[in-house]
PDB file of N, CA and C in Angstrom:
ATOM      1  N   MET A   1      20.693  38.358 -58.424  1.00  0.00           N
ATOM      2  CA  MET A   1      20.176  37.738 -57.598  1.00  0.00           C
ATOM      3  C   MET A   1      20.124  39.146 -56.740  1.00  0.00           C
ATOM      4  N   SER A   2      18.787  39.255 -56.128  1.00  0.00           N
ATOM      5  CA  SER A   2      18.843  39.946 -55.024  1.00  0.00           C
ATOM      6  C   SER A   2      19.078  39.996 -53.470  1.00  0.00           C
ATOM      7  N   ARG A   3      19.423  40.715 -52.464  1.00  0.00           N
ATOM      8  CA  ARG A   3      19.900  40.327 -51.302  1.00  0.00           C
ATOM      9  C   ARG A   3      18.448  39.659 -50.345  1.00  0.00           C
ATOM     10  N   GLN A   4      17.176  39.840 -50.876  1.00  0.00           N
ATOM     11  CA  GLN A   4      16.186  39.725 -50.075  1.00  0.00           C
ATOM     12  C   GLN A   4      16.048  38.257 -50.988  1.00  0.00           C
ATOM     13  N   THR A   5      16.410  37.718 -52.085  1.00  0.00           N
ATOM     14  CA  THR A   5      15.886  36.383 -52.400  1.00  0.00           C
ATOM     15  C   THR A   5      17.361  35.541 -52.010  1.00  0.00           C
ATOM     16  N   THR A   6      18.262  35.968 -52.002  1.00  0.00           N
ATOM     17  CA  THR A   6      19.844  35.271 -51.078  1.00  0.00           C
ATOM     18  C   THR A   6      19.215  35.059 -49.920  1.00  0.00           C
ATOM     19  N   PHE A   7      18.635  35.944 -49.119  1.00  0.00           N
ATOM     20  CA  PHE A   7      18.412  35.983 -47.743  1.00  0.00           C
ATOM     21  C   PHE A   7      17.293  34.763 -47.529  1.00  0.00           C
ATOM     22  N   THR A   8      16.121  34.856 -48.302  1.00  0.00           N
ATOM     23  CA  THR A   8      15.533  33.861 -48.167  1.00  0.00           C
ATOM     24  C   THR A   8      15.617  32.231 -48.937  1.00  0.00           C
ATOM     25  N   LEU A   9      16.679  32.168 -49.481  1.00  0.00           N
ATOM     26  CA  LEU A   9      17.427  30.971 -49.962  1.00  0.00           C
ATOM     27  C   LEU A   9      17.944  30.541 -48.613  1.00  0.00           C
ATOM     28  N   ALA A  10      18.817  31.372 -48.113  1.00  0.00           N
ATOM     29  CA  ALA A  10      19.729  30.627 -47.352  1.00  0.00           C
ATOM     30  C   ALA A  10      18.788  30.270 -46.222  1.00  0.00           C
ATOM     31  N   CYS A  11      17.549  31.225 -45.465  1.00  0.00           N
ATOM     32  CA  CYS A  11      17.148  30.544 -44.594  1.00  0.00           C
ATOM     33  C   CYS A  11      16.450  28.891 -45.038  1.00  0.00           C
ATOM     34  N   ALA A  12      15.577  29.160 -46.384  1.00  0.00           N
ATOM     35  CA  ALA A  12      15.560  27.874 -46.706  1.00  0.00           C
ATOM     36  C   ALA A  12      16.293  26.522 -46.631  1.00  0.00           C
ATOM     37  N   VAL A  13      17.650  26.795 -46.666  1.00  0.00           N
ATOM     38  CA  VAL A  13      18.308  25.798 -46.844  1.00  0.00           C
ATOM     39  C   VAL A  13      18.877  25.463 -45.612  1.00  0.00           C
ATOM     40  N   VAL A  14      18.780  26.655 -44.271  1.00  0.00           N
ATOM     41  CA  VAL A  14      18.615  26.363 -42.943  1.00  0.00           C
ATOM     42  C   VAL A  14      17.561  25.589 -42.245  1.00  0.00           C
ATOM     43  N   LEU A  15      16.553  26.016 -42.673  1.00  0.00           N
ATOM     44  CA  LEU A  15      15.278  25.233 -42.180  1.00  0.00           C
ATOM     45  C   LEU A  15      15.307  23.867 -42.829  1.00  0.00           C
ATOM     46  N   SER A  16      15.640  23.615 -43.925  1.00  0.00           N
ATOM     47  CA  SER A  16      15.524  21.974 -44.497  1.00  0.00           C
ATOM     48  C   SER A  16      16.484  21.327 -43.882  1.00  0.00           C
ATOM     49  N   ALA A  17      17.558  22.164 -43.272  1.00  0.00           N
ATOM     50  CA  ALA A  17      18.567  20.879 -42.671  1.00  0.00           C
ATOM     51  C   ALA A  17      18.106  20.943 -41.268  1.00  0.00           C
ATOM     52  N   LEU A  18      17.840  21.973 -40.240  1.00  0.00           N
ATOM     53  CA  LEU A  18      17.415  22.103 -39.009  1.00  0.00           C
ATOM     54  C   LEU A  18      15.910  21.155 -38.898  1.00  0.00           C
ATOM     55  N   GLY A  19      14.987  21.291 -39.778  1.00  0.00           N
ATOM     56  CA  GLY A  19      13.798  20.585 -39.437  1.00  0.00           C
ATOM     57  C   GLY A  19      13.933  19.469 -39.282  1.00  0.00           C
ATOM     58  N   PRO A  20      14.579  18.205 -40.227  1.00  0.00           N
ATOM     59  CA  PRO A  20      14.612  16.942 -39.945  1.00  0.00           C
ATOM     60  C   PRO A  20      15.608  16.482 -38.784  1.00  0.00           C
ATOM     61  N   GLY A  21      16.318  17.415 -38.596  1.00  0.00           N
ATOM     62  CA  GLY A  21      17.326  17.305 -37.535  1.00  0.00           C
ATOM     63  C   GLY A  21      16.814  17.393 -36.090  1.00  0.00           C
ATOM     64  N   VAL A  22      15.879  18.111 -36.179  1.00  0.00           N
ATOM     65  CA  VAL A  22      15.163  18.412 -34.806  1.00  0.00           C
ATOM     66  C   VAL A  22      13.957  17.298 -34.986  1.00  0.00           C
ATOM     67  N   ALA A  23      13.269  16.743 -35.304  1.00  0.00           N
ATOM     68  CA  ALA A  23      12.578  15.621 -36.341  1.00  0.00           C
ATOM     69  C   ALA A  23      13.181  14.485 -35.489  1.00  0.00           C
ATOM     70  N   GLY A  24      14.156  14.397 -36.048  1.00  0.00           N
ATOM     71  CA  GLY A  24      14.970  13.196 -35.554  1.00  0.00           C
ATOM     72  C   GLY A  24      15.754  12.935 -34.206  1.00  0.00           C
ATOM     73  N   TYR A  25      15.645  13.949 -33.763  1.00  0.00           N
ATOM     74  CA  TYR A  25      16.180  14.010 -32.185  1.00  0.00           C
ATOM     75  C   TYR A  25      15.030  14.133 -30.975  1.00  0.00           C
ATOM     76  N   LEU A  26      14.181  14.531 -31.668  1.00  0.00           N
ATOM     77  CA  LEU A  26      12.555  14.441 -30.731  1.00  0.00           C
ATOM     78  C   LEU A  26      12.375  12.717 -31.107  1.00  0.00           C
ATOM     79  N   SER A  27      12.679  12.094 -32.193  1.00  0.00           N
ATOM     80  CA  SER A  27      12.028  10.836 -32.195  1.00  0.00           C
ATOM     81  C   SER A  27      13.007   9.719 -31.725  1.00  0.00           C
ATOM     82  N   ALA A  28      14.056  10.291 -31.561  1.00  0.00           N
ATOM     83  CA  ALA A  28      15.265   9.552 -30.757  1.00  0.00           C
ATOM     84  C   ALA A  28      15.104   9.422 -29.118  1.00  0.00           C
ATOM     85  N   ARG A  29      14.813  10.882 -28.766  1.00  0.00           N
ATOM     86  CA  ARG A  29      14.108  10.924 -27.338  1.00  0.00           C
ATOM     87  C   ARG A  29      13.338   9.979 -26.812  1.00  0.00           C
ATOM     88  N   LEU A  30      11.981  10.093 -27.478  1.00  0.00           N
ATOM     89  CA  LEU A  30      10.859   9.529 -27.320  1.00  0.00           C
ATOM     90  C   LEU A  30      11.245   8.033 -27.363  1.00  0.00           C
ATOM     91  N   ASP A  31      11.678   7.176 -28.565  1.00  0.00           N
ATOM     92  CA  ASP A  31      12.125   5.944 -28.435  1.00  0.00           C
ATOM     93  C   ASP A  31      13.517   5.447 -27.071  1.00  0.00           C
ATOM     94  N   ALA A  32      13.965   6.396 -26.914  1.00  0.00           N
ATOM     95  CA  ALA A  32      14.681   5.957 -25.451  1.00  0.00           C
ATOM     96  C   ALA A  32      13.353   5.953 -24.254  1.00  0.00           C
ATOM     97  N   ILE A  33      12.706   7.047 -24.030  1.00  0.00           N
ATOM     98  CA  ILE A  33      11.974   6.627 -23.125  1.00  0.00           C
ATOM     99  C   ILE A  33      11.149   5.674 -23.441  1.00  0.00           C
ATOM    100  N   GLU A  34      10.385   5.389 -24.047  1.00  0.00           N
ATOM    101  CA  GLU A  34       9.700   4.127 -24.570  1.00  0.00           C
ATOM    102  C   GLU A  34      10.460   2.781 -24.386  1.00  0.00           C
ATOM    103  N   SER A  35      11.673   2.490 -24.522  1.00  0.00           N
ATOM    104  CA  SER A  35      12.619   1.489 -24.436  1.00  0.00           C
ATOM    105  C   SER A  35      12.905   1.605 -22.908  1.00  0.00           C
ATOM    106  N   ALA A  36      13.212   2.481 -22.231  1.00  0.00           N
ATOM    107  CA  ALA A  36      13.138   2.653 -20.940  1.00  0.00           C
ATOM    108  C   ALA A  36      11.718   2.383 -19.742  1.00  0.00           C
ATOM    109  N   GLU A  37      10.951   2.771 -20.722  1.00  0.00           N
ATOM    110  CA  GLU A  37       9.542   1.887 -19.806  1.00  0.00           C
ATOM    111  C   GLU A  37       9.223   0.681 -19.917  1.00  0.00           C
ATOM    112  N   ARG A  38       9.724  -0.232 -21.417  1.00  0.00           N
ATOM    113  CA  ARG A  38       9.953  -1.208 -21.236  1.00  0.00           C
ATOM    114  C   ARG A  38      10.338  -2.199 -20.140  1.00  0.00           C
ATOM    115  N   SER A  39      11.902  -1.663 -20.241  1.00  0.00           N
ATOM    116  CA  SER A  39      12.564  -2.481 -19.552  1.00  0.00           C
ATOM    117  C   SER A  39      12.096  -2.168 -17.948  1.00  0.00           C
ATOM    118  N   LEU A  40      11.786  -0.814 -17.509  1.00  0.00           N
ATOM    119  CA  LEU A  40      11.218  -1.120 -16.041  1.00  0.00           C
ATOM    120  C   LEU A  40       9.926  -1.826 -15.745  1.00  0.00           C
ATOM    121  N   ARG A  41       9.297  -2.229 -16.658  1.00  0.00           N
ATOM    122  CA  ARG A  41       8.028  -3.173 -16.857  1.00  0.00           C
ATOM    123  C   ARG A  41       8.531  -4.219 -16.726  1.00  0.00           C
ATOM    124  N   ALA A  42       9.377  -4.615 -17.187  1.00  0.00           N
ATOM    125  CA  ALA A  42      10.042  -6.229 -17.791  1.00  0.00           C
ATOM    126  C   ALA A  42      10.940  -6.358 -16.237  1.00  0.00           C
ATOM    127  N   LEU A  43      11.282  -5.289 -15.565  1.00  0.00           N
ATOM    128  CA  LEU A  43      12.221  -5.617 -14.132  1.00  0.00           C
ATOM    129  C   LEU A  43      10.811  -5.721 -13.256  1.00  0.00           C
ATOM    130  N   GLU A  44      10.008  -4.659 -13.173  1.00  0.00           N
ATOM    131  CA  GLU A  44       8.830  -4.914 -12.266  1.00  0.00           C
ATOM    132  C   GLU A  44       8.256  -6.523 -12.196  1.00  0.00           C
ATOM    133  N   ALA A  45       8.277  -6.992 -13.662  1.00  0.00           N
ATOM    134  CA  ALA A  45       7.016  -8.219 -13.617  1.00  0.00           C
ATOM    135  C   ALA A  45       8.079  -9.129 -13.313  1.00  0.00           C
ATOM    136  N   ARG A  46       9.898  -9.580 -13.527  1.00  0.00           N
ATOM    137  CA  ARG A  46      10.643 -10.263 -12.612  1.00  0.00           C
ATOM    138  C   ARG A  46      10.668  -9.922 -11.201  1.00  0.00           C
ATOM    139  N   LEU A  47      10.425  -8.785 -10.509  1.00  0.00           N
ATOM    140  CA  LEU A  47      10.456  -8.584  -9.399  1.00  0.00           C
ATOM    141  C   LEU A  47       9.220  -9.584  -8.744  1.00  0.00           C
ATOM    142  N   HIS A  48       8.198  -9.468  -9.297  1.00  0.00           N
ATOM    143  CA  HIS A  48       6.745  -9.309  -8.833  1.00  0.00           C
ATOM    144  C   HIS A  48       7.029 -11.030  -8.755  1.00  0.00           C
ATOM    145  N   ALA A  49       7.478 -11.383  -9.794  1.00  0.00           N
ATOM    146  CA  ALA A  49       7.781 -13.405 -10.032  1.00  0.00           C
ATOM    147  C   ALA A  49       8.694 -13.861  -9.052  1.00  0.00           C
ATOM    148  N   ARG A  50       9.706 -13.264  -8.856  1.00  0.00           N
ATOM    149  CA  ARG A  50      10.636 -13.461  -7.660  1.00  0.00           C
ATOM    150  C   ARG A  50       9.828 -13.335  -6.255  1.00  0.00           C
ATOM    151  N   GLU A  51       9.280 -12.335  -5.862  1.00  0.00           N
ATOM    152  CA  GLU A  51       8.505 -12.335  -4.701  1.00  0.00           C
ATOM    153  C   GLU A  51       7.070 -13.342  -4.631  1.00  0.00           C
ATOM    154  N   ALA A  52       6.680 -13.779  -5.697  1.00  0.00           N
ATOM    155  CA  ALA A  52       5.729 -15.129  -5.444  1.00  0.00           C
ATOM    156  C   ALA A  52       6.719 -16.070  -5.461  1.00  0.00           C
ATOM    157  N   ARG A  53       7.428 -16.180  -6.028  1.00  0.00           N
ATOM    158  CA  ARG A  53       8.105 -17.602  -5.939  1.00  0.00           C
ATOM    159  C   ARG A  53       8.955 -17.534  -4.415  1.00  0.00           C
ATOM    160  N   ASP A  54       9.245 -16.302  -3.593  1.00  0.00           N
ATOM    161  CA  ASP A  54      10.159 -16.428  -2.289  1.00  0.00           C
ATOM    162  C   ASP A  54       8.711 -16.705  -1.618  1.00  0.00           C
ATOM    163  N   ALA A  55       7.548 -16.388  -1.663  1.00  0.00           N
ATOM    164  CA  ALA A  55       6.662 -16.190  -0.441  1.00  0.00           C
ATOM    165  C   ALA A  55       6.208 -18.157  -0.319  1.00  0.00           C
ATOM    166  N   ARG A  56       6.491 -18.211   0.690  1.00  0.00           N
ATOM    167  CA  ARG A  56       5.914 -19.120   1.349  1.00  0.00           C
ATOM    168  C   ARG A  56       4.804 -19.220   2.764  1.00  0.00           C
ATOM    169  N   PRO A  57       3.810 -20.070   2.254  1.00  0.00           N
ATOM    170  CA  PRO A  57       2.890 -20.097   3.209  1.00  0.00           C
ATOM    171  C   PRO A  57       3.539 -20.751   4.829  1.00  0.00           C
ATOM    172  N   ILE A  58       2.857 -20.032   5.411  1.00  0.00           N
ATOM    173  CA  ILE A  58       3.370 -20.120   6.822  1.00  0.00           C
ATOM    174  C   ILE A  58       2.302 -21.233   7.634  1.00  0.00           C
ATOM    175  N   SER A  59       2.854 -22.368   8.136  1.00  0.00           N
ATOM    176  CA  SER A  59       2.230 -23.562   8.685  1.00  0.00           C
ATOM    177  C   SER A  59       2.681 -23.791   9.996  1.00  0.00           C
ATOM    178  N   LEU A  60       1.229 -23.673  10.113  1.00  0.00           N
ATOM    179  CA  LEU A  60       1.392 -23.922  12.027  1.00  0.00           C
ATOM    180  C   LEU A  60       1.356 -24.993  12.451  1.00  0.00           C
ATOM    181  N   PRO A  61       1.820 -25.203  13.884  1.00  0.00           N
ATOM    182  CA  PRO A  61       1.991 -26.812  14.181  1.00  0.00           C
ATOM    183  C   PRO A  61       0.870 -27.098  14.602  1.00  0.00           C
ATOM    184  N   THR A  62      -0.139 -26.481  14.829  1.00  0.00           N
ATOM    185  CA  THR A  62      -1.643 -26.909  15.279  1.00  0.00           C
ATOM    186  C   THR A  62      -2.629 -26.237  14.853  1.00  0.00           C
ATOM    187  N   PRO A  63      -3.681 -26.998  14.210  1.00  0.00           N
ATOM    188  CA  PRO A  63      -4.824 -26.017  13.680  1.00  0.00           C
ATOM    189  C   PRO A  63      -5.140 -24.976  14.562  1.00  0.00           C
ATOM    190  N   CYS A  64      -5.464 -24.108  13.671  1.00  0.00           N
ATOM    191  CA  CYS A  64      -6.631 -22.655  14.829  1.00  0.00           C
ATOM    192  C   CYS A  64      -7.900 -23.220  15.405  1.00  0.00           C
ATOM    193  N   THR A  65      -7.898 -22.698  16.209  1.00  0.00           N
ATOM    194  CA  THR A  65      -9.094 -22.386  17.165  1.00  0.00           C
ATOM    195  C   THR A  65      -9.714 -20.934  17.056  1.00  0.00           C
ATOM    196  N   ARG A  66     -11.303 -21.270  17.722  1.00  0.00           N
ATOM    197  CA  ARG A  66     -11.813 -20.010  17.736  1.00  0.00           C
ATOM    198  C   ARG A  66     -11.381 -19.635  19.230  1.00  0.00           C
ATOM    199  N   THR A  67     -11.112 -18.144  19.161  1.00  0.00           N
ATOM    200  CA  THR A  67     -11.093 -17.760  20.249  1.00  0.00           C
ATOM    201  C   THR A  67     -12.275 -17.231  21.177  1.00  0.00           C
ATOM    202  N   PRO A  68     -12.047 -17.341  22.708  1.00  0.00           N
ATOM    203  CA  PRO A  68     -13.385 -16.916  22.940  1.00  0.00           C
ATOM    204  C   PRO A  68     -13.368 -15.575  23.238  1.00  0.00           C
ATOM    205  N   GLN A  69     -14.922 -15.302  23.176  1.00  0.00           N
ATOM    206  CA  GLN A  69     -15.788 -14.154  23.135  1.00  0.00           C
ATOM    207  C   GLN A  69     -15.161 -13.221  24.208  1.00  0.00           C
ATOM    208  N   SER A  70     -14.438 -11.760  23.827  1.00  0.00           N
ATOM    209  CA  SER A  70     -14.170 -11.293  25.114  1.00  0.00           C
ATOM    210  C   SER A  70     -15.058 -11.010  26.044  1.00  0.00           C
ATOM    211  N   PRO A  71     -15.652 -10.459  26.938  1.00  0.00           N
ATOM    212  CA  PRO A  71     -16.287  -9.836  27.767  1.00  0.00           C
ATOM    213  C   PRO A  71     -17.132  -8.389  27.718  1.00  0.00           C
ATOM    214  N   GLY A  72     -18.041  -8.539  27.465  1.00  0.00           N
ATOM    215  CA  GLY A  72     -18.861  -7.431  26.763  1.00  0.00           C
ATOM    216  C   GLY A  72     -18.800  -5.904  28.298  1.00  0.00           C
ATOM    217  N   PRO A  73     -19.304  -4.989  27.866  1.00  0.00           N
ATOM    218  CA  PRO A  73     -19.131  -4.392  29.206  1.00  0.00           C
ATOM    219  C   PRO A  73     -20.363  -4.250  30.306  1.00  0.00           C
ATOM    220  N   GLN A  74     -20.827  -5.488  30.017  1.00  0.00           N
ATOM    221  CA  GLN A  74     -21.904  -5.335  31.260  1.00  0.00           C
ATOM    222  C   GLN A  74     -21.190  -6.816  31.964  1.00  0.00           C
ATOM    223  N   GLN A  75     -19.888  -7.170  31.709  1.00  0.00           N
ATOM    224  CA  GLN A  75     -19.412  -8.055  32.413  1.00  0.00           C
ATOM    225  C   GLN A  75     -17.857  -7.759  32.748  1.00  0.00           C
ATOM    226  N   GLY A  76     -17.406  -8.133  33.820  1.00  0.00           N
ATOM    227  CA  GLY A  76     -15.890  -7.914  33.892  1.00  0.00           C
ATOM    228  C   GLY A  76     -14.928  -9.183  33.996  1.00  0.00           C
ATOM    229  N   PRO A  77     -13.751  -8.996  33.893  1.00  0.00           N
ATOM    230  CA  PRO A  77     -12.915 -10.139  33.095  1.00  0.00           C
ATOM    231  C   PRO A  77     -13.081 -11.530  34.022  1.00  0.00           C
ATOM    232  N   TRP A  78     -13.370 -10.750  35.335  1.00  0.00           N
ATOM    233  CA  TRP A  78     -13.509 -11.914  36.151  1.00  0.00           C
ATOM    234  C   TRP A  78     -14.528 -13.250  35.968  1.00  0.00           C
ATOM    235  N   THR A  79     -15.475 -12.543  35.060  1.00  0.00           N
ATOM    236  CA  THR A  79     -16.345 -14.302  34.586  1.00  0.00           C
ATOM    237  C   THR A  79     -15.768 -14.999  34.025  1.00  0.00           C
ATOM    238  N   ALA A  80     -14.968 -14.628  33.010  1.00  0.00           N
ATOM    239  CA  ALA A  80     -14.164 -15.627  31.929  1.00  0.00           C
ATOM    240  C   ALA A  80     -13.288 -16.460  33.105  1.00  0.00           C
ATOM    241  N   LEU A  81     -12.975 -16.220  34.300  1.00  0.00           N
ATOM    242  CA  LEU A  81     -12.031 -16.559  35.303  1.00  0.00           C
ATOM    243  C   LEU A  81     -13.070 -18.024  35.936  1.00  0.00           C
ATOM    244  N   GLY A  82     -14.340 -17.788  35.806  1.00  0.00           N
ATOM    245  CA  GLY A  82     -14.901 -18.847  36.769  1.00  0.00           C
ATOM    246  C   GLY A  82     -15.284 -18.582  38.183  1.00  0.00           C
ATOM    247  N   GLU A  83     -16.252 -18.897  38.664  1.00  0.00           N
ATOM    248  CA  GLU A  83     -16.541 -18.214  40.085  1.00  0.00           C
ATOM    249  C   GLU A  83     -15.549 -18.716  40.819  1.00  0.00           C
ATOM    250  N   ARG A  84     -15.236 -19.835  40.847  1.00  0.00           N
ATOM    251  CA  ARG A  84     -13.921 -20.481  41.961  1.00  0.00           C
ATOM    252  C   ARG A  84     -13.010 -19.371  41.737  1.00  0.00           C
ATOM    253  N   GLU A  85     -12.644 -19.222  40.757  1.00  0.00           N
ATOM    254  CA  GLU A  85     -11.438 -18.611  40.277  1.00  0.00           C
ATOM    255  C   GLU A  85     -11.482 -17.078  41.026  1.00  0.00           C
ATOM    256  N   HIS A  86     -12.526 -16.541  40.680  1.00  0.00           N
ATOM    257  CA  HIS A  86     -13.144 -15.505  41.261  1.00  0.00           C
ATOM    258  C   HIS A  86     -13.170 -14.847  42.397  1.00  0.00           C
ATOM    259  N   LYS A  87     -13.444 -16.231  43.208  1.00  0.00           N
ATOM    260  CA  LYS A  87     -13.985 -15.509  44.661  1.00  0.00           C
ATOM    261  C   LYS A  87     -12.463 -15.913  45.394  1.00  0.00           C
ATOM    262  N   ARG A  88     -11.496 -16.589  44.515  1.00  0.00           N
ATOM    263  CA  ARG A  88      -9.972 -16.739  45.542  1.00  0.00           C
ATOM    264  C   ARG A  88      -9.432 -15.223  44.763  1.00  0.00           C
ATOM    265  N   ARG A  89      -9.316 -14.787  43.797  1.00  0.00           N
ATOM    266  CA  ARG A  89      -8.453 -13.931  43.303  1.00  0.00           C
ATOM    267  C   ARG A  89      -9.063 -12.676  43.831  1.00  0.00           C
ATOM    268  N   ALA A  90     -10.311 -12.409  43.495  1.00  0.00           N
ATOM    269  CA  ALA A  90     -10.897 -10.850  43.823  1.00  0.00           C
ATOM    270  C   ALA A  90     -12.141 -11.173  44.677  1.00  0.00           C
ATOM    271  N   PRO A  91     -12.207 -11.179  45.682  1.00  0.00           N
ATOM    272  CA  PRO A  91     -13.298 -10.590  46.389  1.00  0.00           C
ATOM    273  C   PRO A  91     -14.033  -9.632  46.214  1.00  0.00           C
ATOM    274  N   GLN A  92     -15.742 -10.051  46.071  1.00  0.00           N
ATOM    275  CA  GLN A  92     -16.592  -8.979  45.468  1.00  0.00           C
ATOM    276  C   GLN A  92     -16.305  -8.244  47.209  1.00  0.00           C
ATOM    277  N   GLN A  93     -16.920  -6.961  46.395  1.00  0.00           N
ATOM    278  CA  GLN A  93     -17.505  -5.756  47.883  1.00  0.00           C
ATOM    279  C   GLN A  93     -18.831  -5.677  47.724  1.00  0.00           C
ATOM    280  N   ASP A  94     -19.071  -5.498  48.756  1.00  0.00           N
ATOM    281  CA  ASP A  94     -20.616  -4.731  48.822  1.00  0.00           C
ATOM    282  C   ASP A  94     -21.423  -3.872  47.620  1.00  0.00           C
ATOM    283  N   TRP A  95     -20.372  -2.517  47.800  1.00  0.00           N
ATOM    284  CA  TRP A  95     -20.989  -1.835  47.058  1.00  0.00           C
ATOM    285  C   TRP A  95     -20.441  -1.732  45.419  1.00  0.00           C
ATOM    286  N   LEU A  96     -19.695  -2.969  44.671  1.00  0.00           N
ATOM    287  CA  LEU A  96     -19.324  -2.920  43.818  1.00  0.00           C
ATOM    288  C   LEU A  96     -20.252  -3.815  42.752  1.00  0.00           C
ATOM    289  N   PRO A  97     -21.620  -4.236  42.875  1.00  0.00           N
ATOM    290  CA  PRO A  97     -22.939  -4.373  42.114  1.00  0.00           C
ATOM    291  C   PRO A  97     -23.537  -3.453  41.835  1.00  0.00           C
ATOM    292  N   GLY A  98     -23.302  -2.471  42.895  1.00  0.00           N
ATOM    293  CA  GLY A  98     -24.736  -1.480  42.683  1.00  0.00           C
ATOM    294  C   GLY A  98     -23.944  -0.001  41.935  1.00  0.00           C
ATOM    295  N   LEU A  99     -22.345  -0.393  41.984  1.00  0.00           N
ATOM    296  CA  LEU A  99     -21.730   0.785  40.891  1.00  0.00           C
ATOM    297  C   LEU A  99     -21.477   0.213  39.710  1.00  0.00           C
ATOM    298  N   LEU A 100     -21.742  -1.499  39.765  1.00  0.00           N
ATOM    299  CA  LEU A 100     -21.806  -2.079  38.179  1.00  0.00           C
ATOM    300  C   LEU A 100     -22.918  -1.142  37.151  1.00  0.00           C
ATOM    301  N   LYS A 101     -24.242  -1.377  38.467  1.00  0.00           N
ATOM    302  CA  LYS A 101     -25.399  -1.272  37.719  1.00  0.00           C
ATOM    303  C   LYS A 101     -25.590   0.364  37.179  1.00  0.00           C
ATOM    304  N   GLU A 102     -24.818   1.299  38.500  1.00  0.00           N
ATOM    305  CA  GLU A 102     -24.652   2.597  38.172  1.00  0.00           C
ATOM    306  C   GLU A 102     -24.093   2.944  36.504  1.00  0.00           C
ATOM    307  N   ILE A 103     -22.925   2.238  36.519  1.00  0.00           N
ATOM    308  CA  ILE A 103     -22.345   2.475  35.222  1.00  0.00           C
ATOM    309  C   ILE A 103     -23.515   2.485  34.118  1.00  0.00           C
ATOM    310  N   GLU A 104     -24.382   0.997  34.190  1.00  0.00           N
ATOM    311  CA  GLU A 104     -24.639   0.459  32.917  1.00  0.00           C
ATOM    312  C   GLU A 104     -25.563   1.755  32.775  1.00  0.00           C
ATOM    313  N   ARG A 105     -26.465   2.021  33.544  1.00  0.00           N
ATOM    314  CA  ARG A 105     -27.550   3.149  33.540  1.00  0.00           C
ATOM    315  C   ARG A 105     -27.049   4.564  32.814  1.00  0.00           C
ATOM    316  N   SER A 106     -25.525   4.807  33.041  1.00  0.00           N
ATOM    317  CA  SER A 106     -25.102   5.990  32.852  1.00  0.00           C
ATOM    318  C   SER A 106     -24.581   5.697  31.175  1.00  0.00           C
ATOM    319  N   GLY A 107     -24.224   4.431  30.976  1.00  0.00           N
ATOM    320  CA  GLY A 107     -23.287   4.518  29.720  1.00  0.00           C
ATOM    321  C   GLY A 107     -24.548   3.697  28.573  1.00  0.00           C
TER     322      GLY A 107
END
């Protein structure tokens, strides 16, 4: 046999052993990745189930009621107190109504 034929046969033998080995290695790596992904999804599902089981609704001792509407820009906070409280807490100045009208016009 010639050297070229011997070299060709040697390369063919090496490649015939190396090809399936590399294919098997890559196949095993892909299987390991898929297995890890399945395991991760199962753990996530268990975690979500545990969170859903542990989540308890909050019960309030009294029913919720509507809160009063907050005062608009034309109202001061004193309007929510009522006229009697307003006079007692913050006496209205003579210049205050004019200032409020001026602010409403500019705003």
